[in-house]
Each structure stands twice: as structure tokens, then as C-alpha cells.
Amino acid sequence: MCESDSIGPDGTVRLRCYQPYAKSHFFAGSCGSCPRTILIGVEAAIEMMGSGAATVGELGRRLKCSRCNRRIEGVRIAVDNRTPECIRREGRLPETMGIVVSG
């Protein structure tokens, strides 16, 4: 997945380790106060954090809900589970490219 320093000081994986999967994976987190969910692509997360050395934990501490201004909880990796043929035909999901807020 990544080189020997793939785990950051906070015990979570560095964002750069997900770069090889950027076209099919994204990060997802939920607001603990309202029903909003934030989805952010790997490349967008690295750009927002300023470095691929940042960790998933640091990303989670940075993200806030735009509705209630509370921190996003439980950032996890999510995957586009469509078949490779479907992905080639329909293209990447918007979730893998930028920031998408739902709810």
C-alpha cells in the first residue's frame, strides 16, 4: 500500500498511501449533530491538507459541517463498487474527485 512510514504519529494512515486508489476511493464522514455527510476525494483531501504526509486522523480533525459548524466524525475510506466496465463507460464518481456534501 505505502512505504514504511505509512502510519502517522496519530496512528492513522497517511493520505498519500491512498493516491494509487484515487480514481475509485474517497473519504466519507458524518456530522454528529445533523444528518449531513461529507465525501471528499483522495486528491482533494491531499490538496486541502497541503501534503500527502497528512493523515486520515488529521483530515477528520480539519473537516467541519457547513450547516452546524461541528466537526465531522468517523472519517473512513469508501470505494466505488461498480464494475471496471461500468467505471470505464460512465467515468469516475464525483465523490472521487472533489468534496460532496449530502443531507
PDB file of N, CA and C in Angstrom:
ATOM      1  N   MET A   1       0.827  -1.191   0.000  1.00  0.00           N
ATOM      2  CA  MET A   1       0.000   0.000   0.000  1.00  0.00           C
ATOM      3  C   MET A   1       0.870   1.252   0.000  1.00  0.00           C
ATOM      4  N   CYS A   2       1.818   1.347   0.910  1.00  0.00           N
ATOM      5  CA  CYS A   2       2.627   2.546   1.030  1.00  0.00           C
ATOM      6  C   CYS A   2       3.965   2.158   1.638  1.00  0.00           C
ATOM      7  N   GLU A   3       4.864   3.111   1.731  1.00  0.00           N
ATOM      8  CA  GLU A   3       6.186   2.840   2.278  1.00  0.00           C
ATOM      9  C   GLU A   3       6.131   2.612   3.790  1.00  0.00           C
ATOM     10  N   SER A   4       7.284   2.430   4.390  1.00  0.00           N
ATOM     11  CA  SER A   4       7.376   2.056   5.797  1.00  0.00           C
ATOM     12  C   SER A   4       6.792   3.100   6.756  1.00  0.00           C
ATOM     13  N   ASP A   5       6.765   4.365   6.385  1.00  0.00           N
ATOM     14  CA  ASP A   5       6.198   5.377   7.289  1.00  0.00           C
ATOM     15  C   ASP A   5       4.749   5.703   6.924  1.00  0.00           C
ATOM     16  N   SER A   6       3.984   4.690   6.574  1.00  0.00           N
ATOM     17  CA  SER A   6       2.603   4.900   6.136  1.00  0.00           C
ATOM     18  C   SER A   6       1.670   5.282   7.282  1.00  0.00           C
ATOM     19  N   ILE A   7       2.075   5.008   8.505  1.00  0.00           N
ATOM     20  CA  ILE A   7       1.261   5.365   9.662  1.00  0.00           C
ATOM     21  C   ILE A   7       1.845   6.627  10.282  1.00  0.00           C
ATOM     22  N   GLY A   8       0.981   7.617  10.486  1.00  0.00           N
ATOM     23  CA  GLY A   8       1.422   8.882  11.063  1.00  0.00           C
ATOM     24  C   GLY A   8       1.510   8.817  12.574  1.00  0.00           C
ATOM     25  N   PRO A   9       1.945   9.893  13.197  1.00  0.00           N
ATOM     26  CA  PRO A   9       2.103   9.924  14.649  1.00  0.00           C
ATOM     27  C   PRO A   9       0.791   9.752  15.416  1.00  0.00           C
ATOM     28  N   ASP A  10      -0.331  10.016  14.750  1.00  0.00           N
ATOM     29  CA  ASP A  10      -1.633   9.848  15.409  1.00  0.00           C
ATOM     30  C   ASP A  10      -2.184   8.433  15.254  1.00  0.00           C
ATOM     31  N   GLY A  11      -1.419   7.545  14.615  1.00  0.00           N
ATOM     32  CA  GLY A  11      -1.832   6.150  14.478  1.00  0.00           C
ATOM     33  C   GLY A  11      -2.743   5.877  13.295  1.00  0.00           C
ATOM     34  N   THR A  12      -2.943   6.870  12.419  1.00  0.00           N
ATOM     35  CA  THR A  12      -3.775   6.658  11.232  1.00  0.00           C
ATOM     36  C   THR A  12      -2.918   6.744   9.970  1.00  0.00           C
ATOM     37  N   VAL A  13      -3.458   6.234   8.884  1.00  0.00           N
ATOM     38  CA  VAL A  13      -2.726   6.127   7.621  1.00  0.00           C
ATOM     39  C   VAL A  13      -2.540   7.499   6.976  1.00  0.00           C
ATOM     40  N   ARG A  14      -1.376   7.698   6.368  1.00  0.00           N
ATOM     41  CA  ARG A  14      -1.093   8.949   5.652  1.00  0.00           C
ATOM     42  C   ARG A  14      -1.912   8.975   4.352  1.00  0.00           C
ATOM     43  N   LEU A  15      -2.374  10.156   3.990  1.00  0.00           N
ATOM     44  CA  LEU A  15      -3.220  10.314   2.810  1.00  0.00           C
ATOM     45  C   LEU A  15      -2.523   9.846   1.529  1.00  0.00           C
ATOM     46  N   ARG A  16      -1.221  10.043   1.407  1.00  0.00           N
ATOM     47  CA  ARG A  16      -0.512   9.665   0.188  1.00  0.00           C
ATOM     48  C   ARG A  16      -0.606   8.174  -0.108  1.00  0.00           C
ATOM     49  N   CYS A  17      -0.864   7.370   0.904  1.00  0.00           N
ATOM     50  CA  CYS A  17      -0.978   5.924   0.697  1.00  0.00           C
ATOM     51  C   CYS A  17      -2.208   5.563  -0.127  1.00  0.00           C
ATOM     52  N   TYR A  18      -3.166   6.468  -0.191  1.00  0.00           N
ATOM     53  CA  TYR A  18      -4.387   6.224  -0.963  1.00  0.00           C
ATOM     54  C   TYR A  18      -4.306   6.753  -2.389  1.00  0.00           C
ATOM     55  N   GLN A  19      -3.226   7.457  -2.743  1.00  0.00           N
ATOM     56  CA  GLN A  19      -3.101   8.024  -4.093  1.00  0.00           C
ATOM     57  C   GLN A  19      -3.248   6.984  -5.203  1.00  0.00           C
ATOM     58  N   PRO A  20      -2.685   5.778  -5.093  1.00  0.00           N
ATOM     59  CA  PRO A  20      -2.870   4.806  -6.180  1.00  0.00           C
ATOM     60  C   PRO A  20      -4.335   4.406  -6.404  1.00  0.00           C
ATOM     61  N   TYR A  21      -5.181   4.666  -5.407  1.00  0.00           N
ATOM     62  CA  TYR A  21      -6.592   4.288  -5.485  1.00  0.00           C
ATOM     63  C   TYR A  21      -7.515   5.496  -5.673  1.00  0.00           C
ATOM     64  N   ALA A  22      -6.953   6.638  -6.004  1.00  0.00           N
ATOM     65  CA  ALA A  22      -7.712   7.896  -6.044  1.00  0.00           C
ATOM     66  C   ALA A  22      -8.873   7.879  -7.031  1.00  0.00           C
ATOM     67  N   LYS A  23      -8.804   7.078  -8.063  1.00  0.00           N
ATOM     68  CA  LYS A  23      -9.886   7.069  -9.053  1.00  0.00           C
ATOM     69  C   LYS A  23     -11.078   6.239  -8.609  1.00  0.00           C
ATOM     70  N   SER A  24     -10.918   5.436  -7.570  1.00  0.00           N
ATOM     71  CA  SER A  24     -12.022   4.578  -7.145  1.00  0.00           C
ATOM     72  C   SER A  24     -12.336   4.664  -5.651  1.00  0.00           C
ATOM     73  N   HIS A  25     -11.556   5.416  -4.887  1.00  0.00           N
ATOM     74  CA  HIS A  25     -11.776   5.529  -3.454  1.00  0.00           C
ATOM     75  C   HIS A  25     -11.963   6.996  -3.062  1.00  0.00           C
ATOM     76  N   PHE A  26     -12.627   7.203  -1.940  1.00  0.00           N
ATOM     77  CA  PHE A  26     -12.837   8.543  -1.401  1.00  0.00           C
ATOM     78  C   PHE A  26     -13.039   8.426   0.097  1.00  0.00           C
ATOM     79  N   PHE A  27     -12.988   9.542   0.793  1.00  0.00           N
ATOM     80  CA  PHE A  27     -13.203   9.564   2.230  1.00  0.00           C
ATOM     81  C   PHE A  27     -14.629  10.006   2.512  1.00  0.00           C
ATOM     82  N   ALA A  28     -15.233   9.437   3.551  1.00  0.00           N
ATOM     83  CA  ALA A  28     -16.595   9.779   3.938  1.00  0.00           C
ATOM     84  C   ALA A  28     -16.628  10.010   5.442  1.00  0.00           C
ATOM     85  N   GLY A  29     -17.385  11.004   5.856  1.00  0.00           N
ATOM     86  CA  GLY A  29     -17.555  11.294   7.272  1.00  0.00           C
ATOM     87  C   GLY A  29     -18.933  11.866   7.517  1.00  0.00           C
ATOM     88  N   SER A  30     -19.421  11.713   8.736  1.00  0.00           N
ATOM     89  CA  SER A  30     -20.766  12.174   9.084  1.00  0.00           C
ATOM     90  C   SER A  30     -20.693  13.228  10.163  1.00  0.00           C
ATOM     91  N   CYS A  31     -21.626  14.156  10.096  1.00  0.00           N
ATOM     92  CA  CYS A  31     -21.776  15.141  11.159  1.00  0.00           C
ATOM     93  C   CYS A  31     -22.476  14.449  12.322  1.00  0.00           C
ATOM     94  N   GLY A  32     -22.018  14.687  13.525  1.00  0.00           N
ATOM     95  CA  GLY A  32     -22.640  14.070  14.692  1.00  0.00           C
ATOM     96  C   GLY A  32     -23.898  14.775  15.153  1.00  0.00           C
ATOM     97  N   SER A  33     -24.151  15.968  14.627  1.00  0.00           N
ATOM     98  CA  SER A  33     -25.288  16.758  15.089  1.00  0.00           C
ATOM     99  C   SER A  33     -26.445  16.833  14.102  1.00  0.00           C
ATOM    100  N   CYS A  34     -26.142  16.794  12.826  1.00  0.00           N
ATOM    101  CA  CYS A  34     -27.201  16.879  11.824  1.00  0.00           C
ATOM    102  C   CYS A  34     -27.007  15.736  10.816  1.00  0.00           C
ATOM    103  N   PRO A  35     -27.940  15.523   9.918  1.00  0.00           N
ATOM    104  CA  PRO A  35     -27.843  14.368   9.028  1.00  0.00           C
ATOM    105  C   PRO A  35     -26.911  14.535   7.825  1.00  0.00           C
ATOM    106  N   ARG A  36     -25.978  15.452   7.885  1.00  0.00           N
ATOM    107  CA  ARG A  36     -25.104  15.693   6.737  1.00  0.00           C
ATOM    108  C   ARG A  36     -23.964  14.690   6.685  1.00  0.00           C
ATOM    109  N   THR A  37     -23.574  14.379   5.469  1.00  0.00           N
ATOM    110  CA  THR A  37     -22.420  13.528   5.196  1.00  0.00           C
ATOM    111  C   THR A  37     -21.513  14.284   4.249  1.00  0.00           C
ATOM    112  N   ILE A  38     -20.210  14.186   4.472  1.00  0.00           N
ATOM    113  CA  ILE A  38     -19.256  14.803   3.570  1.00  0.00           C
ATOM    114  C   ILE A  38     -18.456  13.699   2.906  1.00  0.00           C
ATOM    115  N   LEU A  39     -18.283  13.824   1.611  1.00  0.00           N
ATOM    116  CA  LEU A  39     -17.499  12.890   0.818  1.00  0.00           C
ATOM    117  C   LEU A  39     -16.406  13.708   0.150  1.00  0.00           C
ATOM    118  N   ILE A  40     -15.167  13.269   0.274  1.00  0.00           N
ATOM    119  CA  ILE A  40     -14.050  14.024  -0.289  1.00  0.00           C
ATOM    120  C   ILE A  40     -13.085  13.062  -0.972  1.00  0.00           C
ATOM    121  N   GLY A  41     -12.730  13.402  -2.202  1.00  0.00           N
ATOM    122  CA  GLY A  41     -11.805  12.585  -2.967  1.00  0.00           C
ATOM    123  C   GLY A  41     -10.407  12.606  -2.364  1.00  0.00           C
ATOM    124  N   VAL A  42      -9.635  11.587  -2.646  1.00  0.00           N
ATOM    125  CA  VAL A  42      -8.267  11.480  -2.134  1.00  0.00           C
ATOM    126  C   VAL A  42      -7.436  12.686  -2.571  1.00  0.00           C
ATOM    127  N   GLU A  43      -7.486  13.021  -3.852  1.00  0.00           N
ATOM    128  CA  GLU A  43      -6.697  14.147  -4.356  1.00  0.00           C
ATOM    129  C   GLU A  43      -7.137  15.468  -3.717  1.00  0.00           C
ATOM    130  N   ALA A  44      -8.438  15.650  -3.557  1.00  0.00           N
ATOM    131  CA  ALA A  44      -8.957  16.876  -2.934  1.00  0.00           C
ATOM    132  C   ALA A  44      -8.549  16.941  -1.464  1.00  0.00           C
ATOM    133  N   ALA A  45      -8.530  15.813  -0.780  1.00  0.00           N
ATOM    134  CA  ALA A  45      -8.123  15.780   0.626  1.00  0.00           C
ATOM    135  C   ALA A  45      -6.654  16.164   0.769  1.00  0.00           C
ATOM    136  N   ILE A  46      -5.813  15.618  -0.099  1.00  0.00           N
ATOM    137  CA  ILE A  46      -4.384  15.947  -0.057  1.00  0.00           C
ATOM    138  C   ILE A  46      -4.173  17.428  -0.344  1.00  0.00           C
ATOM    139  N   GLU A  47      -4.890  17.955  -1.320  1.00  0.00           N
ATOM    140  CA  GLU A  47      -4.774  19.380  -1.649  1.00  0.00           C
ATOM    141  C   GLU A  47      -5.223  20.246  -0.475  1.00  0.00           C
ATOM    142  N   MET A  48      -6.337  19.878   0.148  1.00  0.00           N
ATOM    143  CA  MET A  48      -6.855  20.640   1.276  1.00  0.00           C
ATOM    144  C   MET A  48      -5.890  20.615   2.458  1.00  0.00           C
ATOM    145  N   MET A  49      -5.265  19.460   2.692  1.00  0.00           N
ATOM    146  CA  MET A  49      -4.351  19.321   3.830  1.00  0.00           C
ATOM    147  C   MET A  49      -2.966  19.876   3.522  1.00  0.00           C
ATOM    148  N   GLY A  50      -2.661  20.105   2.243  1.00  0.00           N
ATOM    149  CA  GLY A  50      -1.387  20.692   1.863  1.00  0.00           C
ATOM    150  C   GLY A  50      -0.259  19.696   1.684  1.00  0.00           C
ATOM    151  N   SER A  51      -0.525  18.424   1.967  1.00  0.00           N
ATOM    152  CA  SER A  51       0.528  17.420   1.850  1.00  0.00           C
ATOM    153  C   SER A  51      -0.056  16.019   1.973  1.00  0.00           C
ATOM    154  N   GLY A  52       0.542  15.098   1.240  1.00  0.00           N
ATOM    155  CA  GLY A  52       0.164  13.695   1.355  1.00  0.00           C
ATOM    156  C   GLY A  52       0.668  13.070   2.635  1.00  0.00           C
ATOM    157  N   ALA A  53       1.541  13.771   3.363  1.00  0.00           N
ATOM    158  CA  ALA A  53       2.042  13.269   4.640  1.00  0.00           C
ATOM    159  C   ALA A  53       0.999  13.412   5.746  1.00  0.00           C
ATOM    160  N   ALA A  54      -0.028  14.236   5.515  1.00  0.00           N
ATOM    161  CA  ALA A  54      -1.113  14.371   6.492  1.00  0.00           C
ATOM    162  C   ALA A  54      -1.817  13.021   6.616  1.00  0.00           C
ATOM    163  N   THR A  55      -2.455  12.804   7.740  1.00  0.00           N
ATOM    164  CA  THR A  55      -3.106  11.520   7.982  1.00  0.00           C
ATOM    165  C   THR A  55      -4.630  11.624   7.893  1.00  0.00           C
ATOM    166  N   VAL A  56      -5.270  10.476   7.841  1.00  0.00           N
ATOM    167  CA  VAL A  56      -6.732  10.431   7.840  1.00  0.00           C
ATOM    168  C   VAL A  56      -7.258  11.062   9.133  1.00  0.00           C
ATOM    169  N   GLY A  57      -6.573  10.840  10.234  1.00  0.00           N
ATOM    170  CA  GLY A  57      -6.977  11.447  11.503  1.00  0.00           C
ATOM    171  C   GLY A  57      -6.909  12.961  11.470  1.00  0.00           C
ATOM    172  N   GLU A  58      -5.854  13.490  10.873  1.00  0.00           N
ATOM    173  CA  GLU A  58      -5.722  14.946  10.743  1.00  0.00           C
ATOM    174  C   GLU A  58      -6.819  15.499   9.833  1.00  0.00           C
ATOM    175  N   LEU A  59      -7.136  14.777   8.772  1.00  0.00           N
ATOM    176  CA  LEU A  59      -8.228  15.184   7.880  1.00  0.00           C
ATOM    177  C   LEU A  59      -9.531  15.260   8.664  1.00  0.00           C
ATOM    178  N   GLY A  60      -9.803  14.246   9.462  1.00  0.00           N
ATOM    179  CA  GLY A  60     -11.021  14.228  10.264  1.00  0.00           C
ATOM    180  C   GLY A  60     -11.097  15.389  11.235  1.00  0.00           C
ATOM    181  N   ARG A  61      -9.978  15.774  11.807  1.00  0.00           N
ATOM    182  CA  ARG A  61      -9.977  16.904  12.738  1.00  0.00           C
ATOM    183  C   ARG A  61     -10.141  18.239  12.026  1.00  0.00           C
ATOM    184  N   ARG A  62      -9.847  18.298  10.744  1.00  0.00           N
ATOM    185  CA  ARG A  62      -9.948  19.537   9.958  1.00  0.00           C
ATOM    186  C   ARG A  62     -11.360  19.753   9.418  1.00  0.00           C
ATOM    187  N   LEU A  63     -12.059  18.678   9.054  1.00  0.00           N
ATOM    188  CA  LEU A  63     -13.368  18.804   8.414  1.00  0.00           C
ATOM    189  C   LEU A  63     -14.440  19.266   9.392  1.00  0.00           C
ATOM    190  N   LYS A  64     -15.261  20.214   8.940  1.00  0.00           N
ATOM    191  CA  LYS A  64     -16.389  20.707   9.728  1.00  0.00           C
ATOM    192  C   LYS A  64     -17.644  20.706   8.869  1.00  0.00           C
ATOM    193  N   CYS A  65     -18.765  20.528   9.500  1.00  0.00           N
ATOM    194  CA  CYS A  65     -20.059  20.586   8.827  1.00  0.00           C
ATOM    195  C   CYS A  65     -20.347  22.033   8.448  1.00  0.00           C
ATOM    196  N   SER A  66     -20.734  22.254   7.204  1.00  0.00           N
ATOM    197  CA  SER A  66     -21.020  23.623   6.761  1.00  0.00           C
ATOM    198  C   SER A  66     -22.373  24.120   7.265  1.00  0.00           C
ATOM    199  N   ARG A  67     -23.211  23.224   7.764  1.00  0.00           N
ATOM    200  CA  ARG A  67     -24.521  23.633   8.270  1.00  0.00           C
ATOM    201  C   ARG A  67     -24.460  24.026   9.750  1.00  0.00           C
ATOM    202  N   CYS A  68     -23.870  23.177  10.585  1.00  0.00           N
ATOM    203  CA  CYS A  68     -23.888  23.448  12.027  1.00  0.00           C
ATOM    204  C   CYS A  68     -22.504  23.763  12.602  1.00  0.00           C
ATOM    205  N   ASN A  69     -21.475  23.718  11.774  1.00  0.00           N
ATOM    206  CA  ASN A  69     -20.097  24.072  12.136  1.00  0.00           C
ATOM    207  C   ASN A  69     -19.460  23.113  13.151  1.00  0.00           C
ATOM    208  N   ARG A  70     -20.023  21.930  13.308  1.00  0.00           N
ATOM    209  CA  ARG A  70     -19.415  20.930  14.195  1.00  0.00           C
ATOM    210  C   ARG A  70     -18.447  20.073  13.401  1.00  0.00           C
ATOM    211  N   ARG A  71     -17.548  19.441  14.094  1.00  0.00           N
ATOM    212  CA  ARG A  71     -16.562  18.575  13.440  1.00  0.00           C
ATOM    213  C   ARG A  71     -17.234  17.341  12.851  1.00  0.00           C
ATOM    214  N   ILE A  72     -16.692  16.917  11.728  1.00  0.00           N
ATOM    215  CA  ILE A  72     -17.150  15.689  11.083  1.00  0.00           C
ATOM    216  C   ILE A  72     -16.579  14.512  11.872  1.00  0.00           C
ATOM    217  N   GLU A  73     -17.392  13.503  12.108  1.00  0.00           N
ATOM    218  CA  GLU A  73     -16.977  12.352  12.905  1.00  0.00           C
ATOM    219  C   GLU A  73     -16.741  11.122  12.029  1.00  0.00           C
ATOM    220  N   GLY A  74     -15.844  10.292  12.470  1.00  0.00           N
ATOM    221  CA  GLY A  74     -15.669   8.973  11.866  1.00  0.00           C
ATOM    222  C   GLY A  74     -15.292   8.972  10.400  1.00  0.00           C
ATOM    223  N   VAL A  75     -14.246   9.678  10.014  1.00  0.00           N
ATOM    224  CA  VAL A  75     -13.826   9.663   8.616  1.00  0.00           C
ATOM    225  C   VAL A  75     -13.322   8.267   8.268  1.00  0.00           C
ATOM    226  N   ARG A  76     -13.830   7.731   7.173  1.00  0.00           N
ATOM    227  CA  ARG A  76     -13.459   6.381   6.735  1.00  0.00           C
ATOM    228  C   ARG A  76     -13.224   6.384   5.228  1.00  0.00           C
ATOM    229  N   ILE A  77     -12.594   5.357   4.743  1.00  0.00           N
ATOM    230  CA  ILE A  77     -12.369   5.220   3.303  1.00  0.00           C
ATOM    231  C   ILE A  77     -13.578   4.504   2.708  1.00  0.00           C
ATOM    232  N   ALA A  78     -14.028   4.980   1.572  1.00  0.00           N
ATOM    233  CA  ALA A  78     -15.153   4.373   0.864  1.00  0.00           C
ATOM    234  C   ALA A  78     -14.696   4.049  -0.551  1.00  0.00           C
ATOM    235  N   VAL A  79     -15.404   3.147  -1.198  1.00  0.00           N
ATOM    236  CA  VAL A  79     -14.983   2.684  -2.516  1.00  0.00           C
ATOM    237  C   VAL A  79     -16.143   2.717  -3.503  1.00  0.00           C
ATOM    238  N   ASP A  80     -15.824   3.042  -4.729  1.00  0.00           N
ATOM    239  CA  ASP A  80     -16.770   2.946  -5.845  1.00  0.00           C
ATOM    240  C   ASP A  80     -16.848   1.456  -6.180  1.00  0.00           C
ATOM    241  N   ASN A  81     -17.958   0.821  -5.859  1.00  0.00           N
ATOM    242  CA  ASN A  81     -18.050  -0.626  -6.034  1.00  0.00           C
ATOM    243  C   ASN A  81     -18.660  -1.059  -7.368  1.00  0.00           C
ATOM    244  N   ARG A  82     -18.681  -0.150  -8.333  1.00  0.00           N
ATOM    245  CA  ARG A  82     -19.156  -0.529  -9.662  1.00  0.00           C
ATOM    246  C   ARG A  82     -18.112  -1.414 -10.344  1.00  0.00           C
ATOM    247  N   THR A  83     -18.540  -2.132 -11.347  1.00  0.00           N
ATOM    248  CA  THR A  83     -17.610  -2.981 -12.084  1.00  0.00           C
ATOM    249  C   THR A  83     -16.635  -2.116 -12.883  1.00  0.00           C
ATOM    250  N   PRO A  84     -15.449  -2.641 -13.197  1.00  0.00           N
ATOM    251  CA  PRO A  84     -14.489  -1.869 -14.008  1.00  0.00           C
ATOM    252  C   PRO A  84     -15.078  -1.427 -15.349  1.00  0.00           C
ATOM    253  N   GLU A  85     -15.900  -2.274 -15.950  1.00  0.00           N
ATOM    254  CA  GLU A  85     -16.530  -1.910 -17.226  1.00  0.00           C
ATOM    255  C   GLU A  85     -17.452  -0.706 -17.058  1.00  0.00           C
ATOM    256  N   CYS A  86     -18.211  -0.699 -15.987  1.00  0.00           N
ATOM    257  CA  CYS A  86     -19.130   0.406 -15.708  1.00  0.00           C
ATOM    258  C   CYS A  86     -18.351   1.701 -15.453  1.00  0.00           C
ATOM    259  N   ILE A  87     -17.271   1.615 -14.717  1.00  0.00           N
ATOM    260  CA  ILE A  87     -16.454   2.796 -14.438  1.00  0.00           C
ATOM    261  C   ILE A  87     -15.873   3.351 -15.736  1.00  0.00           C
ATOM    262  N   ARG A  88     -15.390   2.465 -16.613  1.00  0.00           N
ATOM    263  CA  ARG A  88     -14.846   2.921 -17.904  1.00  0.00           C
ATOM    264  C   ARG A  88     -15.935   3.586 -18.743  1.00  0.00           C
ATOM    265  N   ARG A  89     -17.118   3.019 -18.727  1.00  0.00           N
ATOM    266  CA  ARG A  89     -18.222   3.524 -19.539  1.00  0.00           C
ATOM    267  C   ARG A  89     -18.784   4.839 -18.986  1.00  0.00           C
ATOM    268  N   GLU A  90     -18.974   4.913 -17.672  1.00  0.00           N
ATOM    269  CA  GLU A  90     -19.642   6.068 -17.069  1.00  0.00           C
ATOM    270  C   GLU A  90     -18.696   7.102 -16.464  1.00  0.00           C
ATOM    271  N   GLY A  91     -17.433   6.735 -16.280  1.00  0.00           N
ATOM    272  CA  GLY A  91     -16.468   7.659 -15.699  1.00  0.00           C
ATOM    273  C   GLY A  91     -16.438   7.606 -14.182  1.00  0.00           C
ATOM    274  N   ARG A  92     -15.553   8.408 -13.622  1.00  0.00           N
ATOM    275  CA  ARG A  92     -15.376   8.464 -12.175  1.00  0.00           C
ATOM    276  C   ARG A  92     -16.593   9.062 -11.484  1.00  0.00           C
ATOM    277  N   LEU A  93     -16.833   8.617 -10.276  1.00  0.00           N
ATOM    278  CA  LEU A  93     -17.871   9.218  -9.453  1.00  0.00           C
ATOM    279  C   LEU A  93     -17.428  10.616  -9.008  1.00  0.00           C
ATOM    280  N   PRO A  94     -18.350  11.547  -8.872  1.00  0.00           N
ATOM    281  CA  PRO A  94     -17.980  12.882  -8.389  1.00  0.00           C
ATOM    282  C   PRO A  94     -17.311  12.820  -7.001  1.00  0.00           C
ATOM    283  N   GLU A  95     -17.690  11.833  -6.199  1.00  0.00           N
ATOM    284  CA  GLU A  95     -17.128  11.683  -4.870  1.00  0.00           C
ATOM    285  C   GLU A  95     -15.618  11.440  -4.894  1.00  0.00           C
ATOM    286  N   THR A  96     -15.108  10.865  -5.962  1.00  0.00           N
ATOM    287  CA  THR A  96     -13.676  10.575  -6.029  1.00  0.00           C
ATOM    288  C   THR A  96     -12.862  11.791  -6.471  1.00  0.00           C
ATOM    289  N   MET A  97     -13.540  12.852  -6.883  1.00  0.00           N
ATOM    290  CA  MET A  97     -12.811  13.988  -7.455  1.00  0.00           C
ATOM    291  C   MET A  97     -12.768  15.226  -6.566  1.00  0.00           C
ATOM    292  N   GLY A  98     -13.770  15.481  -5.803  1.00  0.00           N
ATOM    293  CA  GLY A  98     -13.793  16.717  -5.018  1.00  0.00           C
ATOM    294  C   GLY A  98     -14.507  16.502  -3.707  1.00  0.00           C
ATOM    295  N   ILE A  99     -15.155  17.543  -3.234  1.00  0.00           N
ATOM    296  CA  ILE A  99     -15.912  17.479  -1.981  1.00  0.00           C
ATOM    297  C   ILE A  99     -17.395  17.508  -2.324  1.00  0.00           C
ATOM    298  N   VAL A 100     -18.130  16.557  -1.779  1.00  0.00           N
ATOM    299  CA  VAL A 100     -19.564  16.462  -1.989  1.00  0.00           C
ATOM    300  C   VAL A 100     -20.227  16.426  -0.623  1.00  0.00           C
ATOM    301  N   VAL A 101     -21.215  17.259  -0.407  1.00  0.00           N
ATOM    302  CA  VAL A 101     -21.950  17.276   0.849  1.00  0.00           C
ATOM    303  C   VAL A 101     -23.362  16.819   0.560  1.00  0.00           C
ATOM    304  N   SER A 102     -23.870  15.899   1.359  1.00  0.00           N
ATOM    305  CA  SER A 102     -25.244  15.436   1.176  1.00  0.00           C
ATOM    306  C   SER A 102     -25.995  15.545   2.481  1.00  0.00           C
ATOM    307  N   GLY A 103     -27.311  15.495   2.386  1.00  0.00           N
ATOM    308  CA  GLY A 103     -28.139  15.519   3.588  1.00  0.00           C
ATOM    309  C   GLY A 103     -28.699  16.872   3.888  1.00  0.00           C
TER     310      GLY A 103
END
